[in-house]
Amino acid sequence: AGEGAYRAGAERLVGELEALDAEYRTGLAGCAG
């Protein structure tokens, strides 16, 4: 019964984590290797 709430919560969290990943990829771009 809570599927809509759980999927929405996961979608929000995934968006935040993808943004964090993008920060890392940009911030560490000059550190490769």
Full PDB file with SEQRES, HELIX, SHEET, SSBOND, CRYST1, ORIGX, SCALE, CONECT and MASTER records, all heavy atoms in Angstrom:
SEQRES   1 A   33  ALA GLY GLU GLY ALA TYR ARG ALA GLY ALA GLU ARG LEU          
SEQRES   2 A   33  VAL GLY GLU LEU GLU ALA LEU ASP ALA GLU TYR ARG THR          
SEQRES   3 A   33  GLY LEU ALA GLY CYS ALA GLY                                  
HELIX    1 AA1 GLU A    3  GLY A   27  1                                  25    
HELIX    2 AA2 ALA A   29  CYS A   31  5                                   3    
CRYST1    1.000    1.000    1.000  90.00  90.00  90.00 P 1           1          
ORIGX1      1.000000  0.000000  0.000000        0.00000                         
ORIGX2      0.000000  1.000000  0.000000        0.00000                         
ORIGX3      0.000000  0.000000  1.000000        0.00000                         
SCALE1      1.000000  0.000000  0.000000        0.00000                         
SCALE2      0.000000  1.000000  0.000000        0.00000                         
SCALE3      0.000000  0.000000  1.000000        0.00000                         
ATOM      1  N   ALA A   1       0.817  -1.213   0.000  1.00  0.00           N  
ATOM      2  CA  ALA A   1       0.000   0.000   0.000  1.00  0.00           C  
ATOM      3  C   ALA A   1       0.851   1.264   0.000  1.00  0.00           C  
ATOM      4  O   ALA A   1       0.381   2.335  -0.398  1.00  0.00           O  
ATOM      5  CB  ALA A   1      -0.934  -0.003   1.211  1.00  0.00           C  
ATOM      6  N   GLY A   2       2.076   1.143   0.451  1.00  0.00           N  
ATOM      7  CA  GLY A   2       2.952   2.313   0.512  1.00  0.00           C  
ATOM      8  C   GLY A   2       3.850   2.471  -0.689  1.00  0.00           C  
ATOM      9  O   GLY A   2       4.774   3.293  -0.662  1.00  0.00           O  
ATOM     10  N   GLU A   3       3.603   1.722  -1.753  1.00  0.00           N  
ATOM     11  CA  GLU A   3       4.527   1.728  -2.886  1.00  0.00           C  
ATOM     12  C   GLU A   3       4.785   3.129  -3.420  1.00  0.00           C  
ATOM     13  O   GLU A   3       5.940   3.504  -3.686  1.00  0.00           O  
ATOM     14  CB  GLU A   3       4.018   0.837  -4.016  1.00  0.00           C  
ATOM     15  CG  GLU A   3       4.961   0.836  -5.215  1.00  0.00           C  
ATOM     16  CD  GLU A   3       4.627  -0.212  -6.255  1.00  0.00           C  
ATOM     17  OE1 GLU A   3       3.564  -0.860  -6.135  1.00  0.00           O  
ATOM     18  OE2 GLU A   3       5.439  -0.393  -7.185  1.00  0.00           O  
ATOM     19  N   GLY A   4       3.750   3.930  -3.582  1.00  0.00           N  
ATOM     20  CA  GLY A   4       3.946   5.270  -4.140  1.00  0.00           C  
ATOM     21  C   GLY A   4       4.891   6.102  -3.292  1.00  0.00           C  
ATOM     22  O   GLY A   4       5.780   6.789  -3.815  1.00  0.00           O  
ATOM     23  N   ALA A   5       4.715   6.021  -1.966  1.00  0.00           N  
ATOM     24  CA  ALA A   5       5.571   6.794  -1.057  1.00  0.00           C  
ATOM     25  C   ALA A   5       7.004   6.287  -1.106  1.00  0.00           C  
ATOM     26  O   ALA A   5       7.961   7.079  -1.120  1.00  0.00           O  
ATOM     27  CB  ALA A   5       5.034   6.706   0.366  1.00  0.00           C  
ATOM     28  N   TYR A   6       7.170   4.969  -1.144  1.00  0.00           N  
ATOM     29  CA  TYR A   6       8.526   4.419  -1.152  1.00  0.00           C  
ATOM     30  C   TYR A   6       9.248   4.733  -2.459  1.00  0.00           C  
ATOM     31  O   TYR A   6      10.439   5.069  -2.459  1.00  0.00           O  
ATOM     32  CB  TYR A   6       8.485   2.906  -0.925  1.00  0.00           C  
ATOM     33  CG  TYR A   6       7.853   2.498   0.387  1.00  0.00           C  
ATOM     34  CD1 TYR A   6       7.016   1.388   0.456  1.00  0.00           C  
ATOM     35  CD2 TYR A   6       8.084   3.216   1.558  1.00  0.00           C  
ATOM     36  CE1 TYR A   6       6.430   1.006   1.655  1.00  0.00           C  
ATOM     37  CE2 TYR A   6       7.505   2.844   2.758  1.00  0.00           C  
ATOM     38  CZ  TYR A   6       6.671   1.737   2.803  1.00  0.00           C  
ATOM     39  OH  TYR A   6       6.098   1.370   3.989  1.00  0.00           O  
ATOM     40  N   ARG A   7       8.554   4.612  -3.569  1.00  0.00           N  
ATOM     41  CA  ARG A   7       9.188   4.919  -4.854  1.00  0.00           C  
ATOM     42  C   ARG A   7       9.562   6.399  -4.924  1.00  0.00           C  
ATOM     43  O   ARG A   7      10.638   6.754  -5.426  1.00  0.00           O  
ATOM     44  CB  ARG A   7       8.251   4.571  -6.014  1.00  0.00           C  
ATOM     45  CG  ARG A   7       7.839   3.110  -6.099  1.00  0.00           C  
ATOM     46  CD  ARG A   7       9.009   2.197  -6.368  1.00  0.00           C  
ATOM     47  NE  ARG A   7       8.551   0.806  -6.528  1.00  0.00           N  
ATOM     48  CZ  ARG A   7       9.328  -0.251  -6.398  1.00  0.00           C  
ATOM     49  NH1 ARG A   7      10.617  -0.109  -6.108  1.00  0.00           N  
ATOM     50  NH2 ARG A   7       8.843  -1.468  -6.554  1.00  0.00           N  
ATOM     51  N   ALA A   8       8.685   7.265  -4.408  1.00  0.00           N  
ATOM     52  CA  ALA A   8       8.985   8.698  -4.426  1.00  0.00           C  
ATOM     53  C   ALA A   8      10.177   9.016  -3.530  1.00  0.00           C  
ATOM     54  O   ALA A   8      11.044   9.824  -3.889  1.00  0.00           O  
ATOM     55  CB  ALA A   8       7.759   9.498  -3.987  1.00  0.00           C  
ATOM     56  N   GLY A   9      10.234   8.366  -2.359  1.00  0.00           N  
ATOM     57  CA  GLY A   9      11.372   8.575  -1.464  1.00  0.00           C  
ATOM     58  C   GLY A   9      12.671   8.127  -2.085  1.00  0.00           C  
ATOM     59  O   GLY A   9      13.697   8.814  -1.982  1.00  0.00           O  
ATOM     60  N   ALA A  10      12.628   6.971  -2.749  1.00  0.00           N  
ATOM     61  CA  ALA A  10      13.840   6.474  -3.408  1.00  0.00           C  
ATOM     62  C   ALA A  10      14.250   7.398  -4.541  1.00  0.00           C  
ATOM     63  O   ALA A  10      15.445   7.673  -4.734  1.00  0.00           O  
ATOM     64  CB  ALA A  10      13.601   5.061  -3.934  1.00  0.00           C  
ATOM     65  N   GLU A  11      13.287   7.900  -5.296  1.00  0.00           N  
ATOM     66  CA  GLU A  11      13.608   8.789  -6.412  1.00  0.00           C  
ATOM     67  C   GLU A  11      14.277  10.070  -5.917  1.00  0.00           C  
ATOM     68  O   GLU A  11      15.257  10.541  -6.505  1.00  0.00           O  
ATOM     69  CB  GLU A  11      12.339   9.124  -7.189  1.00  0.00           C  
ATOM     70  CG  GLU A  11      12.592   9.967  -8.430  1.00  0.00           C  
ATOM     71  CD  GLU A  11      11.332  10.227  -9.246  1.00  0.00           C  
ATOM     72  OE1 GLU A  11      10.269   9.688  -8.890  1.00  0.00           O  
ATOM     73  OE2 GLU A  11      11.427  10.974 -10.244  1.00  0.00           O  
ATOM     74  N   ARG A  12      13.755  10.630  -4.822  1.00  0.00           N  
ATOM     75  CA  ARG A  12      14.384  11.836  -4.258  1.00  0.00           C  
ATOM     76  C   ARG A  12      15.808  11.541  -3.824  1.00  0.00           C  
ATOM     77  O   ARG A  12      16.731  12.317  -4.100  1.00  0.00           O  
ATOM     78  CB  ARG A  12      13.568  12.346  -3.069  1.00  0.00           C  
ATOM     79  CG  ARG A  12      12.266  13.029  -3.423  1.00  0.00           C  
ATOM     80  CD  ARG A  12      11.678  13.762  -2.233  1.00  0.00           C  
ATOM     81  NE  ARG A  12      11.389  12.857  -1.115  1.00  0.00           N  
ATOM     82  CZ  ARG A  12      10.245  12.207  -0.953  1.00  0.00           C  
ATOM     83  NH1 ARG A  12       9.281  12.347  -1.847  1.00  0.00           N  
ATOM     84  NH2 ARG A  12      10.050  11.429   0.094  1.00  0.00           N  
ATOM     85  N   LEU A  13      15.992  10.422  -3.125  1.00  0.00           N  
ATOM     86  CA  LEU A  13      17.314  10.081  -2.620  1.00  0.00           C  
ATOM     87  C   LEU A  13      18.284   9.801  -3.758  1.00  0.00           C  
ATOM     88  O   LEU A  13      19.442  10.243  -3.732  1.00  0.00           O  
ATOM     89  CB  LEU A  13      17.221   8.876  -1.691  1.00  0.00           C  
ATOM     90  CG  LEU A  13      18.522   8.389  -1.055  1.00  0.00           C  
ATOM     91  CD1 LEU A  13      19.253   9.519  -0.342  1.00  0.00           C  
ATOM     92  CD2 LEU A  13      18.247   7.235  -0.096  1.00  0.00           C  
ATOM     93  N   VAL A  14      17.840   9.083  -4.766  1.00  0.00           N  
ATOM     94  CA  VAL A  14      18.695   8.811  -5.921  1.00  0.00           C  
ATOM     95  C   VAL A  14      19.125  10.114  -6.577  1.00  0.00           C  
ATOM     96  O   VAL A  14      20.295  10.283  -6.971  1.00  0.00           O  
ATOM     97  CB  VAL A  14      17.977   7.892  -6.930  1.00  0.00           C  
ATOM     98  CG1 VAL A  14      18.735   7.852  -8.256  1.00  0.00           C  
ATOM     99  CG2 VAL A  14      17.842   6.486  -6.359  1.00  0.00           C  
ATOM    100  N   GLY A  15      18.213  11.070  -6.700  1.00  0.00           N  
ATOM    101  CA  GLY A  15      18.566  12.369  -7.274  1.00  0.00           C  
ATOM    102  C   GLY A  15      19.649  13.070  -6.473  1.00  0.00           C  
ATOM    103  O   GLY A  15      20.591  13.645  -7.046  1.00  0.00           O  
ATOM    104  N   GLU A  16      19.544  13.019  -5.144  1.00  0.00           N  
ATOM    105  CA  GLU A  16      20.557  13.643  -4.288  1.00  0.00           C  
ATOM    106  C   GLU A  16      21.911  12.947  -4.447  1.00  0.00           C  
ATOM    107  O   GLU A  16      22.967  13.604  -4.495  1.00  0.00           O  
ATOM    108  CB  GLU A  16      20.104  13.581  -2.831  1.00  0.00           C  
ATOM    109  CG  GLU A  16      18.877  14.435  -2.519  1.00  0.00           C  
ATOM    110  CD  GLU A  16      18.341  14.173  -1.120  1.00  0.00           C  
ATOM    111  OE1 GLU A  16      18.979  13.394  -0.377  1.00  0.00           O  
ATOM    112  OE2 GLU A  16      17.277  14.738  -0.784  1.00  0.00           O  
ATOM    113  N   LEU A  17      21.888  11.626  -4.521  1.00  0.00           N  
ATOM    114  CA  LEU A  17      23.138  10.877  -4.649  1.00  0.00           C  
ATOM    115  C   LEU A  17      23.768  11.070  -6.024  1.00  0.00           C  
ATOM    116  O   LEU A  17      24.990  11.128  -6.149  1.00  0.00           O  
ATOM    117  CB  LEU A  17      22.877   9.401  -4.374  1.00  0.00           C  
ATOM    118  CG  LEU A  17      22.515   9.083  -2.920  1.00  0.00           C  
ATOM    119  CD1 LEU A  17      21.952   7.674  -2.798  1.00  0.00           C  
ATOM    120  CD2 LEU A  17      23.712   9.260  -2.001  1.00  0.00           C  
ATOM    121  N   GLU A  18      22.942  11.188  -7.046  1.00  0.00           N  
ATOM    122  CA  GLU A  18      23.481  11.458  -8.385  1.00  0.00           C  
ATOM    123  C   GLU A  18      24.117  12.848  -8.432  1.00  0.00           C  
ATOM    124  O   GLU A  18      25.151  13.044  -9.088  1.00  0.00           O  
ATOM    125  CB  GLU A  18      22.377  11.328  -9.424  1.00  0.00           C  
ATOM    126  CG  GLU A  18      21.969   9.877  -9.684  1.00  0.00           C  
ATOM    127  CD  GLU A  18      20.817   9.754 -10.656  1.00  0.00           C  
ATOM    128  OE1 GLU A  18      20.132  10.771 -10.913  1.00  0.00           O  
ATOM    129  OE2 GLU A  18      20.592   8.633 -11.167  1.00  0.00           O  
ATOM    130  N   ALA A  19      23.524  13.808  -7.737  1.00  0.00           N  
ATOM    131  CA  ALA A  19      24.120  15.146  -7.668  1.00  0.00           C  
ATOM    132  C   ALA A  19      25.453  15.104  -6.931  1.00  0.00           C  
ATOM    133  O   ALA A  19      26.433  15.762  -7.329  1.00  0.00           O  
ATOM    134  CB  ALA A  19      23.157  16.111  -6.983  1.00  0.00           C  
ATOM    135  N   LEU A  20      25.518  14.313  -5.851  1.00  0.00           N  
ATOM    136  CA  LEU A  20      26.767  14.164  -5.109  1.00  0.00           C  
ATOM    137  C   LEU A  20      27.832  13.507  -5.984  1.00  0.00           C  
ATOM    138  O   LEU A  20      28.996  13.940  -6.000  1.00  0.00           O  
ATOM    139  CB  LEU A  20      26.515  13.329  -3.858  1.00  0.00           C  
ATOM    140  CG  LEU A  20      27.697  13.085  -2.922  1.00  0.00           C  
ATOM    141  CD1 LEU A  20      28.250  14.403  -2.383  1.00  0.00           C  
ATOM    142  CD2 LEU A  20      27.270  12.174  -1.765  1.00  0.00           C  
ATOM    143  N   ASP A  21      27.449  12.504  -6.723  1.00  0.00           N  
ATOM    144  CA  ASP A  21      28.375  11.842  -7.653  1.00  0.00           C  
ATOM    145  C   ASP A  21      28.902  12.838  -8.686  1.00  0.00           C  
ATOM    146  O   ASP A  21      30.103  12.835  -9.007  1.00  0.00           O  
ATOM    147  CB  ASP A  21      27.659  10.682  -8.338  1.00  0.00           C  
ATOM    148  CG  ASP A  21      28.488  10.050  -9.444  1.00  0.00           C  
ATOM    149  OD1 ASP A  21      29.606   9.584  -9.162  1.00  0.00           O  
ATOM    150  OD2 ASP A  21      28.010  10.021 -10.597  1.00  0.00           O  
ATOM    151  N   ALA A  22      28.030  13.691  -9.199  1.00  0.00           N  
ATOM    152  CA  ALA A  22      28.460  14.687 -10.182  1.00  0.00           C  
ATOM    153  C   ALA A  22      29.465  15.658  -9.566  1.00  0.00           C  
ATOM    154  O   ALA A  22      30.441  16.061 -10.229  1.00  0.00           O  
ATOM    155  CB  ALA A  22      27.251  15.447 -10.722  1.00  0.00           C  
ATOM    156  N   GLU A  23      29.255  16.036  -8.303  1.00  0.00           N  
ATOM    157  CA  GLU A  23      30.212  16.908  -7.621  1.00  0.00           C  
ATOM    158  C   GLU A  23      31.579  16.236  -7.528  1.00  0.00           C  
ATOM    159  O   GLU A  23      32.624  16.875  -7.735  1.00  0.00           O  
ATOM    160  CB  GLU A  23      29.708  17.259  -6.224  1.00  0.00           C  
ATOM    161  CG  GLU A  23      28.498  18.186  -6.194  1.00  0.00           C  
ATOM    162  CD  GLU A  23      28.051  18.462  -4.776  1.00  0.00           C  
ATOM    163  OE1 GLU A  23      28.922  18.595  -3.888  1.00  0.00           O  
ATOM    164  OE2 GLU A  23      26.827  18.543  -4.550  1.00  0.00           O  
ATOM    165  N   TYR A  24      31.586  14.961  -7.199  1.00  0.00           N  
ATOM    166  CA  TYR A  24      32.849  14.226  -7.110  1.00  0.00           C  
ATOM    167  C   TYR A  24      33.533  14.131  -8.467  1.00  0.00           C  
ATOM    168  O   TYR A  24      34.754  14.320  -8.579  1.00  0.00           O  
ATOM    169  CB  TYR A  24      32.597  12.824  -6.549  1.00  0.00           C  
ATOM    170  CG  TYR A  24      32.888  12.716  -5.066  1.00  0.00           C  
ATOM    171  CD1 TYR A  24      31.994  13.219  -4.134  1.00  0.00           C  
ATOM    172  CD2 TYR A  24      34.061  12.133  -4.599  1.00  0.00           C  
ATOM    173  CE1 TYR A  24      32.245  13.122  -2.765  1.00  0.00           C  
ATOM    174  CE2 TYR A  24      34.330  12.035  -3.251  1.00  0.00           C  
ATOM    175  CZ  TYR A  24      33.422  12.535  -2.328  1.00  0.00           C  
ATOM    176  OH  TYR A  24      33.702  12.464  -0.985  1.00  0.00           O  
ATOM    177  N   ARG A  25      32.766  13.845  -9.499  1.00  0.00           N  
ATOM    178  CA  ARG A  25      33.368  13.686 -10.825  1.00  0.00           C  
ATOM    179  C   ARG A  25      33.974  15.005 -11.311  1.00  0.00           C  
ATOM    180  O   ARG A  25      35.054  15.013 -11.911  1.00  0.00           O  
ATOM    181  CB  ARG A  25      32.323  13.157 -11.816  1.00  0.00           C  
ATOM    182  CG  ARG A  25      31.910  11.748 -11.504  1.00  0.00           C  
ATOM    183  CD  ARG A  25      31.096  11.080 -12.572  1.00  0.00           C  
ATOM    184  NE  ARG A  25      30.719   9.744 -12.113  1.00  0.00           N  
ATOM    185  CZ  ARG A  25      31.514   8.690 -12.101  1.00  0.00           C  
ATOM    186  NH1 ARG A  25      32.759   8.805 -12.566  1.00  0.00           N  
ATOM    187  NH2 ARG A  25      31.105   7.517 -11.655  1.00  0.00           N  
ATOM    188  N   THR A  26      33.292  16.090 -11.028  1.00  0.00           N  
ATOM    189  CA  THR A  26      33.829  17.398 -11.393  1.00  0.00           C  
ATOM    190  C   THR A  26      35.025  17.765 -10.516  1.00  0.00           C  
ATOM    191  O   THR A  26      36.079  18.183 -11.009  1.00  0.00           O  
ATOM    192  CB  THR A  26      32.745  18.475 -11.263  1.00  0.00           C  
ATOM    193  OG1 THR A  26      31.671  18.176 -12.152  1.00  0.00           O  
ATOM    194  CG2 THR A  26      33.296  19.859 -11.595  1.00  0.00           C  
ATOM    195  N   GLY A  27      34.854  17.580  -9.213  1.00  0.00           N  
ATOM    196  CA  GLY A  27      35.894  17.995  -8.272  1.00  0.00           C  
ATOM    197  C   GLY A  27      37.180  17.211  -8.392  1.00  0.00           C  
ATOM    198  O   GLY A  27      38.264  17.741  -8.118  1.00  0.00           O  
ATOM    199  N   LEU A  28      37.084  15.935  -8.787  1.00  0.00           N  
ATOM    200  CA  LEU A  28      38.275  15.086  -8.862  1.00  0.00           C  
ATOM    201  C   LEU A  28      38.735  14.845 -10.291  1.00  0.00           C  
ATOM    202  O   LEU A  28      39.605  14.005 -10.536  1.00  0.00           O  
ATOM    203  CB  LEU A  28      38.006  13.746  -8.169  1.00  0.00           C  
ATOM    204  CG  LEU A  28      37.698  13.813  -6.668  1.00  0.00           C  
ATOM    205  CD1 LEU A  28      37.466  12.418  -6.113  1.00  0.00           C  
ATOM    206  CD2 LEU A  28      38.808  14.520  -5.891  1.00  0.00           C  
ATOM    207  N   ALA A  29      38.172  15.589 -11.221  1.00  0.00           N  
ATOM    208  CA  ALA A  29      38.538  15.389 -12.628  1.00  0.00           C  
ATOM    209  C   ALA A  29      40.031  15.574 -12.861  1.00  0.00           C  
ATOM    210  O   ALA A  29      40.633  14.896 -13.698  1.00  0.00           O  
ATOM    211  CB  ALA A  29      37.743  16.341 -13.522  1.00  0.00           C  
ATOM    212  N   GLY A  30      40.648  16.491 -12.123  1.00  0.00           N  
ATOM    213  CA  GLY A  30      42.076  16.740 -12.296  1.00  0.00           C  
ATOM    214  C   GLY A  30      42.960  15.799 -11.509  1.00  0.00           C  
ATOM    215  O   GLY A  30      44.186  15.945 -11.518  1.00  0.00           O  
ATOM    216  N   CYS A  31      42.360  14.816 -10.827  1.00  0.00           N  
ATOM    217  CA  CYS A  31      43.124  13.905  -9.970  1.00  0.00           C  
ATOM    218  C   CYS A  31      43.254  12.506 -10.547  1.00  0.00           C  
ATOM    219  O   CYS A  31      43.737  11.602  -9.854  1.00  0.00           O  
ATOM    220  CB  CYS A  31      42.441  13.790  -8.609  1.00  0.00           C  
ATOM    221  SG  CYS A  31      42.345  15.329  -7.701  1.00  0.00           S  
ATOM    222  N   ALA A  32      42.795  12.303 -11.753  1.00  0.00           N  
ATOM    223  CA  ALA A  32      42.778  10.949 -12.318  1.00  0.00           C  
ATOM    224  C   ALA A  32      44.157  10.305 -12.236  1.00  0.00           C  
ATOM    225  O   ALA A  32      45.168  10.900 -12.628  1.00  0.00           O  
ATOM    226  CB  ALA A  32      42.305  10.999 -13.767  1.00  0.00           C  
ATOM    227  N   GLY A  33      44.204   9.098 -11.672  1.00  0.00           N  
ATOM    228  CA  GLY A  33      45.452   8.363 -11.543  1.00  0.00           C  
ATOM    229  C   GLY A  33      46.241   8.683 -10.295  1.00  0.00           C  
ATOM    230  O   GLY A  33      47.287   8.064 -10.055  1.00  0.00           O  
TER     231      GLY A  33                                                      
MASTER        0    0    0    2    0    0    0    6  230    1    0    3          
END                                                                             
